[in-house]
Amino acid sequence: MDSYWLAVVYSVAPTIVLAGAFWWIMRSIMRMDRTERRVYNRIEAEERAKRGLPFRHSLPDVAVEDSAVENPVVPQAKRTLGARQDRHHQK
């Protein structure tokens, strides 16, 4: 019976170890990215302040068309979707 449980442990252990390594690597990548973005935004804000430029609000990571410059807080995709929903409800 001992050899059965030993075989089970030897069979499952590599999967658990690899899953833990994968989780740790992904966690590290996400933390590095978050830290890098935070530092980059801080440096950009300092440089903009030195030059007397206005504060730039962060936009979501969405492809925004040129017409979205009018309202930089709301991405173009959301405004277009809202307009479609309004037209649909008016009918």
N, C-alpha and C. Protein backbone atom coordinates (compact mmCIF):
# COMPACT_ATOMS: atom_id res chain seq x y z
N MET A 1 0.81 -1.19 0.00
CA MET A 1 0.00 0.00 0.00
C MET A 1 0.86 1.26 0.00
N ASP A 2 2.01 1.21 0.66
CA ASP A 2 2.89 2.37 0.70
C ASP A 2 3.39 2.71 -0.69
N SER A 3 3.67 1.72 -1.50
CA SER A 3 4.17 2.00 -2.84
C SER A 3 3.09 2.67 -3.70
N TYR A 4 1.81 2.37 -3.45
CA TYR A 4 0.72 2.99 -4.19
C TYR A 4 0.69 4.50 -3.92
N TRP A 5 0.73 4.90 -2.64
CA TRP A 5 0.67 6.32 -2.29
C TRP A 5 1.93 7.05 -2.71
N LEU A 6 3.05 6.36 -2.68
CA LEU A 6 4.29 6.95 -3.16
C LEU A 6 4.20 7.24 -4.66
N ALA A 7 3.61 6.30 -5.41
CA ALA A 7 3.42 6.49 -6.85
C ALA A 7 2.46 7.66 -7.11
N VAL A 8 1.43 7.78 -6.30
CA VAL A 8 0.49 8.90 -6.45
C VAL A 8 1.20 10.22 -6.22
N VAL A 9 2.00 10.29 -5.17
CA VAL A 9 2.73 11.53 -4.87
C VAL A 9 3.70 11.86 -5.99
N TYR A 10 4.44 10.87 -6.46
CA TYR A 10 5.39 11.10 -7.55
C TYR A 10 4.67 11.49 -8.84
N SER A 11 3.46 11.06 -9.04
CA SER A 11 2.71 11.40 -10.25
C SER A 11 2.14 12.82 -10.18
N VAL A 12 1.69 13.23 -9.02
CA VAL A 12 1.02 14.52 -8.88
C VAL A 12 2.00 15.65 -8.57
N ALA A 13 3.09 15.35 -7.93
CA ALA A 13 4.05 16.38 -7.50
C ALA A 13 4.56 17.25 -8.65
N PRO A 14 4.97 16.69 -9.79
CA PRO A 14 5.46 17.57 -10.88
C PRO A 14 4.40 18.56 -11.36
N THR A 15 3.16 18.12 -11.42
CA THR A 15 2.09 19.01 -11.86
C THR A 15 1.91 20.15 -10.87
N ILE A 16 1.93 19.84 -9.59
CA ILE A 16 1.77 20.86 -8.56
C ILE A 16 2.95 21.83 -8.58
N VAL A 17 4.15 21.31 -8.73
CA VAL A 17 5.34 22.16 -8.76
C VAL A 17 5.31 23.08 -9.98
N LEU A 18 4.97 22.54 -11.15
CA LEU A 18 4.91 23.35 -12.35
C LEU A 18 3.80 24.40 -12.26
N ALA A 19 2.67 24.04 -11.69
CA ALA A 19 1.58 25.01 -11.52
C ALA A 19 2.02 26.13 -10.58
N GLY A 20 2.71 25.79 -9.52
CA GLY A 20 3.21 26.81 -8.59
C GLY A 20 4.24 27.71 -9.25
N ALA A 21 5.14 27.12 -10.04
CA ALA A 21 6.15 27.92 -10.74
C ALA A 21 5.48 28.85 -11.76
N PHE A 22 4.50 28.34 -12.49
CA PHE A 22 3.78 29.15 -13.46
C PHE A 22 3.08 30.31 -12.76
N TRP A 23 2.39 30.04 -11.66
CA TRP A 23 1.69 31.08 -10.91
C TRP A 23 2.66 32.16 -10.42
N TRP A 24 3.80 31.73 -9.89
CA TRP A 24 4.78 32.67 -9.36
C TRP A 24 5.36 33.55 -10.48
N ILE A 25 5.66 32.94 -11.63
CA ILE A 25 6.21 33.69 -12.77
C ILE A 25 5.19 34.70 -13.28
N MET A 26 3.94 34.28 -13.44
CA MET A 26 2.89 35.19 -13.92
C MET A 26 2.66 36.33 -12.92
N ARG A 27 2.68 36.02 -11.65
CA ARG A 27 2.51 37.04 -10.60
C ARG A 27 3.64 38.04 -10.67
N SER A 28 4.86 37.56 -10.87
CA SER A 28 6.01 38.45 -10.97
C SER A 28 5.92 39.36 -12.19
N ILE A 29 5.50 38.80 -13.32
CA ILE A 29 5.35 39.59 -14.54
C ILE A 29 4.31 40.68 -14.34
N MET A 30 3.18 40.33 -13.75
CA MET A 30 2.11 41.31 -13.53
C MET A 30 2.58 42.42 -12.58
N ARG A 31 3.29 42.06 -11.53
CA ARG A 31 3.79 43.07 -10.59
C ARG A 31 4.82 43.97 -11.25
N MET A 32 5.71 43.40 -12.07
CA MET A 32 6.71 44.21 -12.77
C MET A 32 6.03 45.20 -13.70
N ASP A 33 5.02 44.73 -14.43
CA ASP A 33 4.31 45.59 -15.37
C ASP A 33 3.61 46.72 -14.62
N ARG A 34 2.95 46.39 -13.52
CA ARG A 34 2.24 47.41 -12.74
C ARG A 34 3.23 48.45 -12.20
N THR A 35 4.36 47.99 -11.69
CA THR A 35 5.37 48.90 -11.15
C THR A 35 5.97 49.76 -12.25
N GLU A 36 6.24 49.16 -13.40
CA GLU A 36 6.81 49.91 -14.51
C GLU A 36 5.85 51.00 -14.98
N ARG A 37 4.57 50.67 -15.08
CA ARG A 37 3.58 51.68 -15.50
C ARG A 37 3.49 52.80 -14.47
N ARG A 38 3.52 52.46 -13.20
CA ARG A 38 3.43 53.46 -12.14
C ARG A 38 4.63 54.41 -12.20
N VAL A 39 5.84 53.86 -12.36
CA VAL A 39 7.04 54.67 -12.44
C VAL A 39 7.03 55.54 -13.70
N TYR A 40 6.63 54.96 -14.82
CA TYR A 40 6.56 55.72 -16.07
C TYR A 40 5.58 56.88 -15.95
N ASN A 41 4.40 56.63 -15.36
CA ASN A 41 3.42 57.70 -15.18
C ASN A 41 3.94 58.79 -14.25
N ARG A 42 4.67 58.40 -13.21
CA ARG A 42 5.24 59.38 -12.29
C ARG A 42 6.27 60.25 -13.01
N ILE A 43 7.15 59.62 -13.81
CA ILE A 43 8.16 60.36 -14.55
C ILE A 43 7.49 61.29 -15.56
N GLU A 44 6.48 60.78 -16.26
CA GLU A 44 5.78 61.61 -17.24
C GLU A 44 5.11 62.81 -16.56
N ALA A 45 4.50 62.59 -15.40
CA ALA A 45 3.85 63.69 -14.68
C ALA A 45 4.88 64.73 -14.25
N GLU A 46 6.04 64.29 -13.79
CA GLU A 46 7.09 65.22 -13.39
C GLU A 46 7.58 66.05 -14.58
N GLU A 47 7.78 65.39 -15.72
CA GLU A 47 8.24 66.09 -16.92
C GLU A 47 7.19 67.08 -17.41
N ARG A 48 5.92 66.69 -17.37
CA ARG A 48 4.85 67.60 -17.80
C ARG A 48 4.78 68.79 -16.85
N ALA A 49 4.96 68.56 -15.56
CA ALA A 49 4.93 69.66 -14.59
C ALA A 49 6.10 70.62 -14.82
N LYS A 50 7.29 70.08 -15.14
CA LYS A 50 8.45 70.93 -15.42
C LYS A 50 8.20 71.85 -16.60
N ARG A 51 7.50 71.32 -17.61
CA ARG A 51 7.25 72.09 -18.83
C ARG A 51 5.98 72.93 -18.75
N GLY A 52 5.26 72.80 -17.65
CA GLY A 52 4.05 73.59 -17.48
C GLY A 52 2.86 73.08 -18.28
N LEU A 53 2.91 71.81 -18.67
CA LEU A 53 1.80 71.22 -19.42
C LEU A 53 0.74 70.73 -18.46
N PRO A 54 -0.50 70.66 -18.93
CA PRO A 54 -1.57 70.17 -18.05
C PRO A 54 -1.42 68.68 -17.76
N PHE A 55 -2.03 68.28 -16.66
CA PHE A 55 -2.01 66.88 -16.27
C PHE A 55 -2.75 66.06 -17.29
N ARG A 56 -2.21 64.93 -17.68
CA ARG A 56 -2.84 64.06 -18.67
C ARG A 56 -3.50 62.91 -17.94
N HIS A 57 -4.80 62.75 -18.13
CA HIS A 57 -5.52 61.64 -17.52
C HIS A 57 -5.20 60.37 -18.28
N SER A 58 -5.08 59.26 -17.56
CA SER A 58 -4.80 57.98 -18.20
C SER A 58 -6.04 57.49 -18.92
N LEU A 59 -5.86 57.07 -20.15
CA LEU A 59 -6.95 56.49 -20.91
C LEU A 59 -6.92 54.98 -20.76
N PRO A 60 -8.06 54.33 -20.89
CA PRO A 60 -8.06 52.87 -20.87
C PRO A 60 -7.27 52.33 -22.05
N ASP A 61 -6.81 51.11 -21.94
CA ASP A 61 -6.05 50.49 -23.02
C ASP A 61 -7.01 50.04 -24.11
N VAL A 62 -7.60 51.01 -24.80
CA VAL A 62 -8.56 50.74 -25.86
C VAL A 62 -8.12 51.57 -27.05
N ALA A 63 -8.26 51.02 -28.24
CA ALA A 63 -7.95 51.78 -29.43
C ALA A 63 -8.98 52.90 -29.56
N VAL A 64 -8.51 54.14 -29.53
CA VAL A 64 -9.40 55.28 -29.56
C VAL A 64 -9.19 56.02 -30.87
N GLU A 65 -10.28 56.33 -31.58
CA GLU A 65 -10.20 57.06 -32.83
C GLU A 65 -9.86 58.52 -32.56
N ASP A 66 -9.47 59.24 -33.62
CA ASP A 66 -9.10 60.65 -33.48
C ASP A 66 -10.27 61.49 -32.97
N SER A 67 -11.50 61.13 -33.30
CA SER A 67 -12.65 61.92 -32.87
C SER A 67 -12.87 61.82 -31.37
N ALA A 68 -12.19 60.91 -30.70
CA ALA A 68 -12.36 60.76 -29.26
C ALA A 68 -11.60 61.83 -28.48
N VAL A 69 -10.86 62.69 -29.18
CA VAL A 69 -10.10 63.73 -28.51
C VAL A 69 -11.04 64.71 -27.82
N GLU A 70 -12.27 64.87 -28.34
CA GLU A 70 -13.24 65.78 -27.74
C GLU A 70 -13.50 65.42 -26.27
N ASN A 71 -13.62 64.13 -25.99
CA ASN A 71 -13.90 63.66 -24.64
C ASN A 71 -12.93 62.53 -24.31
N PRO A 72 -11.72 62.85 -23.83
CA PRO A 72 -10.70 61.81 -23.67
C PRO A 72 -10.99 60.83 -22.54
N VAL A 73 -11.94 61.14 -21.66
CA VAL A 73 -12.20 60.24 -20.54
C VAL A 73 -12.99 59.03 -21.00
N VAL A 74 -13.89 59.21 -21.97
CA VAL A 74 -14.74 58.12 -22.44
C VAL A 74 -14.21 57.66 -23.78
N PRO A 75 -13.80 56.41 -23.91
CA PRO A 75 -13.29 55.92 -25.19
C PRO A 75 -14.37 55.98 -26.27
N GLN A 76 -13.92 56.11 -27.51
CA GLN A 76 -14.83 56.21 -28.65
C GLN A 76 -15.75 55.00 -28.73
N ALA A 77 -15.23 53.82 -28.43
CA ALA A 77 -16.04 52.60 -28.53
C ALA A 77 -17.25 52.68 -27.60
N LYS A 78 -17.07 53.20 -26.39
CA LYS A 78 -18.19 53.29 -25.45
C LYS A 78 -19.21 54.32 -25.91
N ARG A 79 -18.73 55.46 -26.44
CA ARG A 79 -19.67 56.47 -26.90
C ARG A 79 -20.47 55.95 -28.09
N THR A 80 -19.83 55.24 -28.99
CA THR A 80 -20.54 54.69 -30.15
C THR A 80 -21.57 53.67 -29.70
N LEU A 81 -21.21 52.81 -28.77
CA LEU A 81 -22.13 51.81 -28.26
C LEU A 81 -23.33 52.48 -27.61
N GLY A 82 -23.08 53.54 -26.84
CA GLY A 82 -24.18 54.25 -26.20
C GLY A 82 -25.12 54.86 -27.21
N ALA A 83 -24.56 55.43 -28.29
CA ALA A 83 -25.40 56.02 -29.33
C ALA A 83 -26.24 54.95 -30.01
N ARG A 84 -25.67 53.79 -30.25
CA ARG A 84 -26.44 52.70 -30.87
C ARG A 84 -27.59 52.28 -29.97
N GLN A 85 -27.32 52.17 -28.68
CA GLN A 85 -28.38 51.76 -27.74
C GLN A 85 -29.47 52.80 -27.69
N ASP A 86 -29.10 54.09 -27.74
CA ASP A 86 -30.11 55.15 -27.70
C ASP A 86 -30.99 55.08 -28.94
N ARG A 87 -30.39 54.88 -30.12
CA ARG A 87 -31.18 54.78 -31.36
C ARG A 87 -32.11 53.57 -31.30
N HIS A 88 -31.63 52.50 -30.73
CA HIS A 88 -32.43 51.28 -30.66
C HIS A 88 -33.65 51.49 -29.77
N HIS A 89 -33.48 52.19 -28.66
CA HIS A 89 -34.59 52.41 -27.72
C HIS A 89 -35.57 53.46 -28.22
N GLN A 90 -35.16 54.32 -29.15
CA GLN A 90 -36.06 55.35 -29.64
C GLN A 90 -37.10 54.78 -30.59
N LYS A 91 -36.81 53.68 -31.23
CA LYS A 91 -37.74 53.09 -32.20
C LYS A 91 -38.99 52.56 -31.59
